[in-house]
Amino acid sequence: MSKQQAGFTLIELVMVIVILGILAATAIPKFTDLSTEAQQAATDGIAGALGSGSAINLAVRSLNVANGDAVASCGDIASTLDGGLPANYSISGGIPGCNVVHTSGAAASFVGHAIP
């Protein structure tokens, strides 16, 4: 009677570990930059919301001067958002070319409308 062994040899285990290491080394760089892209996408979203809020405010104010917010600068446009400008963001520039910047450095521009 011969006894058969079941399992993997040491060389097979080493090869699997090497292959997994190569796959990990290839995949990790693709995922490390996702936070930068996500922050840029969030900043683009804030800029879009500010541009839309400014345009809606202009339309409401055009219909009735008593409604809407008076906007004299890009910074005033933050008041058109519910809850105002989110934390860690700032607005710069001059109407109509306004910019929103996150503390991480992500930036986007939007069109602001001046309303007396």
N, C-alpha and C. Protein backbone atom coordinates (compact mmCIF):
# COMPACT_ATOMS: atom_id res chain seq x y z
N MET A 1 0.80 -1.17 0.00
CA MET A 1 0.00 0.00 0.00
C MET A 1 0.87 1.25 0.00
N SER A 2 0.50 2.13 -0.90
CA SER A 2 1.26 3.36 -0.98
C SER A 2 0.41 4.51 -0.45
N LYS A 3 1.05 5.37 0.24
CA LYS A 3 0.37 6.50 0.86
C LYS A 3 0.49 7.71 -0.08
N GLN A 4 -0.65 8.30 -0.50
CA GLN A 4 -0.61 9.47 -1.38
C GLN A 4 -0.79 10.73 -0.55
N GLN A 5 -0.01 11.72 -0.91
CA GLN A 5 -0.11 12.99 -0.20
C GLN A 5 -0.98 13.95 -1.01
N ALA A 6 -1.80 14.68 -0.34
CA ALA A 6 -2.63 15.69 -0.99
C ALA A 6 -2.13 17.06 -0.54
N GLY A 7 -2.14 18.01 -1.48
CA GLY A 7 -1.72 19.37 -1.14
C GLY A 7 -0.83 19.94 -2.23
N PHE A 8 -0.28 21.09 -1.94
CA PHE A 8 0.55 21.79 -2.90
C PHE A 8 2.01 21.69 -2.48
N THR A 9 2.87 21.71 -3.48
CA THR A 9 4.30 21.71 -3.18
C THR A 9 4.71 23.14 -2.84
N LEU A 10 5.85 23.28 -2.27
CA LEU A 10 6.36 24.60 -1.89
C LEU A 10 6.53 25.49 -3.11
N ILE A 11 7.01 24.94 -4.20
CA ILE A 11 7.22 25.74 -5.41
C ILE A 11 5.89 26.25 -5.98
N GLU A 12 4.82 25.45 -5.89
CA GLU A 12 3.51 25.90 -6.35
C GLU A 12 2.99 27.06 -5.49
N LEU A 13 3.17 26.97 -4.20
CA LEU A 13 2.73 28.05 -3.31
C LEU A 13 3.51 29.33 -3.56
N VAL A 14 4.81 29.20 -3.78
CA VAL A 14 5.65 30.38 -4.06
C VAL A 14 5.22 31.03 -5.37
N MET A 15 4.92 30.23 -6.38
CA MET A 15 4.50 30.78 -7.68
C MET A 15 3.17 31.54 -7.54
N VAL A 16 2.24 31.00 -6.78
CA VAL A 16 0.96 31.69 -6.58
C VAL A 16 1.18 33.02 -5.87
N ILE A 17 2.04 33.03 -4.87
CA ILE A 17 2.33 34.28 -4.15
C ILE A 17 2.99 35.30 -5.06
N VAL A 18 3.90 34.86 -5.91
CA VAL A 18 4.56 35.76 -6.86
C VAL A 18 3.54 36.34 -7.84
N ILE A 19 2.65 35.52 -8.36
CA ILE A 19 1.64 36.00 -9.30
C ILE A 19 0.71 37.00 -8.62
N LEU A 20 0.28 36.71 -7.40
CA LEU A 20 -0.57 37.66 -6.67
C LEU A 20 0.16 38.98 -6.41
N GLY A 21 1.43 38.90 -6.12
CA GLY A 21 2.23 40.12 -5.91
C GLY A 21 2.31 40.96 -7.17
N ILE A 22 2.50 40.32 -8.32
CA ILE A 22 2.55 41.05 -9.59
C ILE A 22 1.21 41.70 -9.88
N LEU A 23 0.11 40.98 -9.67
CA LEU A 23 -1.22 41.55 -9.89
C LEU A 23 -1.49 42.74 -8.96
N ALA A 24 -1.08 42.62 -7.71
CA ALA A 24 -1.28 43.71 -6.76
C ALA A 24 -0.45 44.94 -7.14
N ALA A 25 0.79 44.71 -7.56
CA ALA A 25 1.65 45.83 -7.95
C ALA A 25 1.11 46.55 -9.19
N THR A 26 0.40 45.83 -10.03
CA THR A 26 -0.18 46.43 -11.23
C THR A 26 -1.47 47.18 -10.89
N ALA A 27 -2.26 46.68 -9.97
CA ALA A 27 -3.56 47.27 -9.68
C ALA A 27 -3.50 48.46 -8.73
N ILE A 28 -2.60 48.48 -7.78
CA ILE A 28 -2.56 49.52 -6.75
C ILE A 28 -2.40 50.92 -7.34
N PRO A 29 -1.51 51.16 -8.31
CA PRO A 29 -1.40 52.53 -8.84
C PRO A 29 -2.68 53.04 -9.49
N LYS A 30 -3.51 52.16 -9.99
CA LYS A 30 -4.75 52.59 -10.62
C LYS A 30 -5.76 53.09 -9.59
N PHE A 31 -5.66 52.65 -8.36
CA PHE A 31 -6.62 53.04 -7.33
C PHE A 31 -6.10 54.15 -6.42
N THR A 32 -4.84 54.45 -6.45
CA THR A 32 -4.30 55.46 -5.54
C THR A 32 -4.73 56.87 -5.92
N ASP A 33 -5.01 57.13 -7.19
CA ASP A 33 -5.35 58.48 -7.62
C ASP A 33 -6.86 58.73 -7.61
N LEU A 34 -7.64 57.79 -7.13
CA LEU A 34 -9.09 57.96 -7.14
C LEU A 34 -9.56 59.08 -6.23
N SER A 35 -8.87 59.33 -5.12
CA SER A 35 -9.32 60.39 -4.21
C SER A 35 -9.18 61.76 -4.87
N THR A 36 -8.14 61.97 -5.66
CA THR A 36 -7.97 63.24 -6.36
C THR A 36 -9.08 63.44 -7.38
N GLU A 37 -9.38 62.39 -8.13
CA GLU A 37 -10.45 62.48 -9.12
C GLU A 37 -11.81 62.68 -8.45
N ALA A 38 -12.03 62.04 -7.33
CA ALA A 38 -13.30 62.20 -6.60
C ALA A 38 -13.45 63.63 -6.08
N GLN A 39 -12.37 64.20 -5.57
CA GLN A 39 -12.43 65.58 -5.07
C GLN A 39 -12.68 66.56 -6.20
N GLN A 40 -12.08 66.31 -7.38
CA GLN A 40 -12.32 67.18 -8.53
C GLN A 40 -13.77 67.08 -8.98
N ALA A 41 -14.32 65.87 -8.97
CA ALA A 41 -15.72 65.68 -9.36
C ALA A 41 -16.66 66.38 -8.38
N ALA A 42 -16.35 66.32 -7.09
CA ALA A 42 -17.17 67.01 -6.09
C ALA A 42 -17.10 68.52 -6.29
N THR A 43 -15.92 69.03 -6.59
CA THR A 43 -15.75 70.47 -6.82
C THR A 43 -16.51 70.89 -8.08
N ASP A 44 -16.47 70.06 -9.12
CA ASP A 44 -17.24 70.36 -10.33
C ASP A 44 -18.73 70.40 -10.02
N GLY A 45 -19.19 69.50 -9.15
CA GLY A 45 -20.59 69.48 -8.76
C GLY A 45 -21.00 70.73 -8.00
N ILE A 46 -20.13 71.18 -7.10
CA ILE A 46 -20.41 72.42 -6.35
C ILE A 46 -20.47 73.60 -7.31
N ALA A 47 -19.53 73.65 -8.27
CA ALA A 47 -19.53 74.75 -9.25
C ALA A 47 -20.81 74.72 -10.07
N GLY A 48 -21.26 73.55 -10.48
CA GLY A 48 -22.50 73.44 -11.23
C GLY A 48 -23.70 73.91 -10.41
N ALA A 49 -23.72 73.53 -9.14
CA ALA A 49 -24.81 73.94 -8.26
C ALA A 49 -24.81 75.46 -8.07
N LEU A 50 -23.63 76.05 -7.92
CA LEU A 50 -23.54 77.50 -7.77
C LEU A 50 -23.98 78.23 -9.03
N GLY A 51 -23.58 77.72 -10.20
CA GLY A 51 -24.01 78.32 -11.46
C GLY A 51 -25.52 78.22 -11.65
N SER A 52 -26.08 77.06 -11.33
CA SER A 52 -27.53 76.88 -11.44
C SER A 52 -28.27 77.75 -10.45
N GLY A 53 -27.77 77.81 -9.22
CA GLY A 53 -28.40 78.65 -8.21
C GLY A 53 -28.38 80.11 -8.61
N SER A 54 -27.29 80.53 -9.21
CA SER A 54 -27.19 81.92 -9.66
C SER A 54 -28.18 82.21 -10.78
N ALA A 55 -28.31 81.27 -11.72
CA ALA A 55 -29.24 81.46 -12.84
C ALA A 55 -30.69 81.46 -12.35
N ILE A 56 -31.02 80.56 -11.44
CA ILE A 56 -32.39 80.52 -10.90
C ILE A 56 -32.68 81.79 -10.11
N ASN A 57 -31.71 82.24 -9.34
CA ASN A 57 -31.88 83.47 -8.57
C ASN A 57 -32.11 84.66 -9.51
N LEU A 58 -31.39 84.70 -10.63
CA LEU A 58 -31.58 85.77 -11.61
C LEU A 58 -33.00 85.73 -12.17
N ALA A 59 -33.49 84.53 -12.48
CA ALA A 59 -34.85 84.41 -13.03
C ALA A 59 -35.91 84.84 -12.02
N VAL A 60 -35.75 84.40 -10.77
CA VAL A 60 -36.72 84.77 -9.73
C VAL A 60 -36.69 86.27 -9.48
N ARG A 61 -35.50 86.82 -9.43
CA ARG A 61 -35.35 88.26 -9.16
C ARG A 61 -35.87 89.10 -10.33
N SER A 62 -35.73 88.57 -11.56
CA SER A 62 -36.23 89.29 -12.73
C SER A 62 -37.75 89.39 -12.73
N LEU A 63 -38.40 88.36 -12.20
CA LEU A 63 -39.86 88.37 -12.14
C LEU A 63 -40.38 89.33 -11.07
N ASN A 64 -39.69 89.37 -9.94
CA ASN A 64 -40.14 90.22 -8.84
C ASN A 64 -38.92 90.60 -8.01
N VAL A 65 -38.59 91.86 -7.97
CA VAL A 65 -37.39 92.34 -7.29
C VAL A 65 -37.41 92.01 -5.80
N ALA A 66 -38.59 91.82 -5.24
CA ALA A 66 -38.68 91.52 -3.81
C ALA A 66 -38.25 90.08 -3.51
N ASN A 67 -38.21 89.21 -4.52
CA ASN A 67 -37.83 87.82 -4.32
C ASN A 67 -36.36 87.61 -4.69
N GLY A 68 -35.78 86.52 -4.24
CA GLY A 68 -34.39 86.21 -4.58
C GLY A 68 -33.42 87.02 -3.76
N ASP A 69 -32.14 86.72 -3.95
CA ASP A 69 -31.08 87.39 -3.21
C ASP A 69 -30.36 88.40 -4.10
N ALA A 70 -29.99 89.54 -3.51
CA ALA A 70 -29.16 90.49 -4.23
C ALA A 70 -27.74 89.93 -4.30
N VAL A 71 -27.16 89.94 -5.48
CA VAL A 71 -25.83 89.37 -5.69
C VAL A 71 -24.96 90.43 -6.34
N ALA A 72 -23.90 90.83 -5.63
CA ALA A 72 -23.00 91.83 -6.16
C ALA A 72 -21.63 91.25 -6.51
N SER A 73 -21.32 90.08 -5.95
CA SER A 73 -20.02 89.47 -6.21
C SER A 73 -20.16 87.96 -6.26
N CYS A 74 -19.09 87.30 -6.67
CA CYS A 74 -19.10 85.83 -6.72
C CYS A 74 -19.35 85.24 -5.34
N GLY A 75 -18.80 85.84 -4.31
CA GLY A 75 -18.99 85.33 -2.95
C GLY A 75 -20.43 85.36 -2.49
N ASP A 76 -21.22 86.33 -3.01
CA ASP A 76 -22.64 86.42 -2.64
C ASP A 76 -23.45 85.25 -3.20
N ILE A 77 -22.95 84.60 -4.22
CA ILE A 77 -23.70 83.52 -4.88
C ILE A 77 -23.86 82.32 -3.94
N ALA A 78 -22.98 82.17 -2.98
CA ALA A 78 -23.09 81.05 -2.03
C ALA A 78 -24.43 81.08 -1.30
N SER A 79 -25.01 82.27 -1.16
CA SER A 79 -26.30 82.37 -0.47
C SER A 79 -27.44 81.77 -1.28
N THR A 80 -27.20 81.47 -2.56
CA THR A 80 -28.26 80.88 -3.38
C THR A 80 -28.37 79.37 -3.13
N LEU A 81 -27.42 78.77 -2.44
CA LEU A 81 -27.47 77.34 -2.13
C LEU A 81 -28.14 77.14 -0.78
N ASP A 82 -28.96 76.10 -0.68
CA ASP A 82 -29.52 75.75 0.63
C ASP A 82 -28.39 75.36 1.55
N GLY A 83 -28.27 75.99 2.68
CA GLY A 83 -27.20 75.69 3.61
C GLY A 83 -25.90 76.42 3.31
N GLY A 84 -25.86 77.18 2.22
CA GLY A 84 -24.67 77.93 1.88
C GLY A 84 -23.57 77.06 1.29
N LEU A 85 -22.40 77.61 1.22
CA LEU A 85 -21.25 76.92 0.64
C LEU A 85 -20.75 75.85 1.60
N PRO A 86 -20.51 74.62 1.10
CA PRO A 86 -20.00 73.56 1.99
C PRO A 86 -18.64 73.93 2.59
N ALA A 87 -18.30 73.28 3.69
CA ALA A 87 -17.02 73.52 4.36
C ALA A 87 -15.87 73.18 3.42
N ASN A 88 -14.76 73.82 3.61
CA ASN A 88 -13.51 73.62 2.87
C ASN A 88 -13.55 74.13 1.44
N TYR A 89 -14.56 74.90 1.08
CA TYR A 89 -14.63 75.50 -0.25
C TYR A 89 -14.58 77.01 -0.12
N SER A 90 -14.03 77.66 -1.13
CA SER A 90 -14.04 79.12 -1.18
C SER A 90 -14.36 79.55 -2.60
N ILE A 91 -14.90 80.76 -2.72
CA ILE A 91 -15.27 81.30 -4.02
C ILE A 91 -14.41 82.53 -4.29
N SER A 92 -13.92 82.62 -5.54
CA SER A 92 -13.11 83.77 -5.92
C SER A 92 -13.49 84.19 -7.34
N GLY A 93 -12.86 85.24 -7.81
CA GLY A 93 -13.12 85.72 -9.15
C GLY A 93 -14.10 86.87 -9.15
N GLY A 94 -14.40 87.33 -10.35
CA GLY A 94 -15.34 88.43 -10.51
C GLY A 94 -16.44 88.04 -11.48
N ILE A 95 -17.63 88.51 -11.22
CA ILE A 95 -18.77 88.16 -12.06
C ILE A 95 -18.49 88.62 -13.49
N PRO A 96 -18.71 87.83 -14.51
CA PRO A 96 -19.36 86.53 -14.52
C PRO A 96 -18.41 85.34 -14.33
N GLY A 97 -17.10 85.55 -14.32
CA GLY A 97 -16.16 84.44 -14.22
C GLY A 97 -15.80 84.10 -12.80
N CYS A 98 -16.60 83.26 -12.15
CA CYS A 98 -16.37 82.89 -10.76
C CYS A 98 -15.68 81.53 -10.67
N ASN A 99 -14.94 81.33 -9.60
CA ASN A 99 -14.24 80.07 -9.37
C ASN A 99 -14.56 79.55 -7.98
N VAL A 100 -14.65 78.23 -7.86
CA VAL A 100 -14.80 77.59 -6.56
C VAL A 100 -13.57 76.70 -6.38
N VAL A 101 -12.97 76.78 -5.18
CA VAL A 101 -11.73 76.07 -4.90
C VAL A 101 -11.88 75.30 -3.60
N HIS A 102 -11.45 74.04 -3.60
CA HIS A 102 -11.42 73.22 -2.39
C HIS A 102 -10.05 73.35 -1.77
N THR A 103 -9.95 73.11 -0.47
CA THR A 103 -8.66 73.22 0.21
C THR A 103 -7.64 72.22 -0.32
N SER A 104 -8.09 71.15 -0.98
CA SER A 104 -7.16 70.17 -1.56
C SER A 104 -6.51 70.69 -2.83
N GLY A 105 -7.03 71.80 -3.37
CA GLY A 105 -6.48 72.36 -4.60
C GLY A 105 -7.37 72.15 -5.81
N ALA A 106 -8.40 71.33 -5.69
CA ALA A 106 -9.32 71.12 -6.80
C ALA A 106 -10.08 72.42 -7.06
N ALA A 107 -10.21 72.78 -8.33
CA ALA A 107 -10.86 74.04 -8.68
C ALA A 107 -11.77 73.84 -9.88
N ALA A 108 -12.81 74.67 -9.95
CA ALA A 108 -13.73 74.66 -11.09
C ALA A 108 -14.30 76.07 -11.23
N SER A 109 -14.74 76.39 -12.43
CA SER A 109 -15.31 77.72 -12.66
C SER A 109 -16.80 77.60 -13.00
N PHE A 110 -17.50 78.70 -12.79
CA PHE A 110 -18.93 78.77 -13.11
C PHE A 110 -19.28 80.19 -13.45
N VAL A 111 -20.43 80.36 -14.10
CA VAL A 111 -20.90 81.69 -14.49
C VAL A 111 -21.80 82.23 -13.39
N GLY A 112 -21.43 83.40 -12.89
CA GLY A 112 -22.24 84.07 -11.87
C GLY A 112 -22.99 85.24 -12.49
N HIS A 113 -24.17 85.50 -11.97
CA HIS A 113 -25.01 86.59 -12.48
C HIS A 113 -25.16 87.66 -11.41
N ALA A 114 -24.78 88.88 -11.75
CA ALA A 114 -24.93 90.00 -10.82
C ALA A 114 -26.37 90.47 -10.82
N ILE A 115 -26.92 90.65 -9.64
CA ILE A 115 -28.30 91.09 -9.50
C ILE A 115 -28.33 92.20 -8.45
N PRO A 116 -28.79 93.38 -8.81
CA PRO A 116 -28.85 94.47 -7.83
C PRO A 116 -29.90 94.25 -6.76
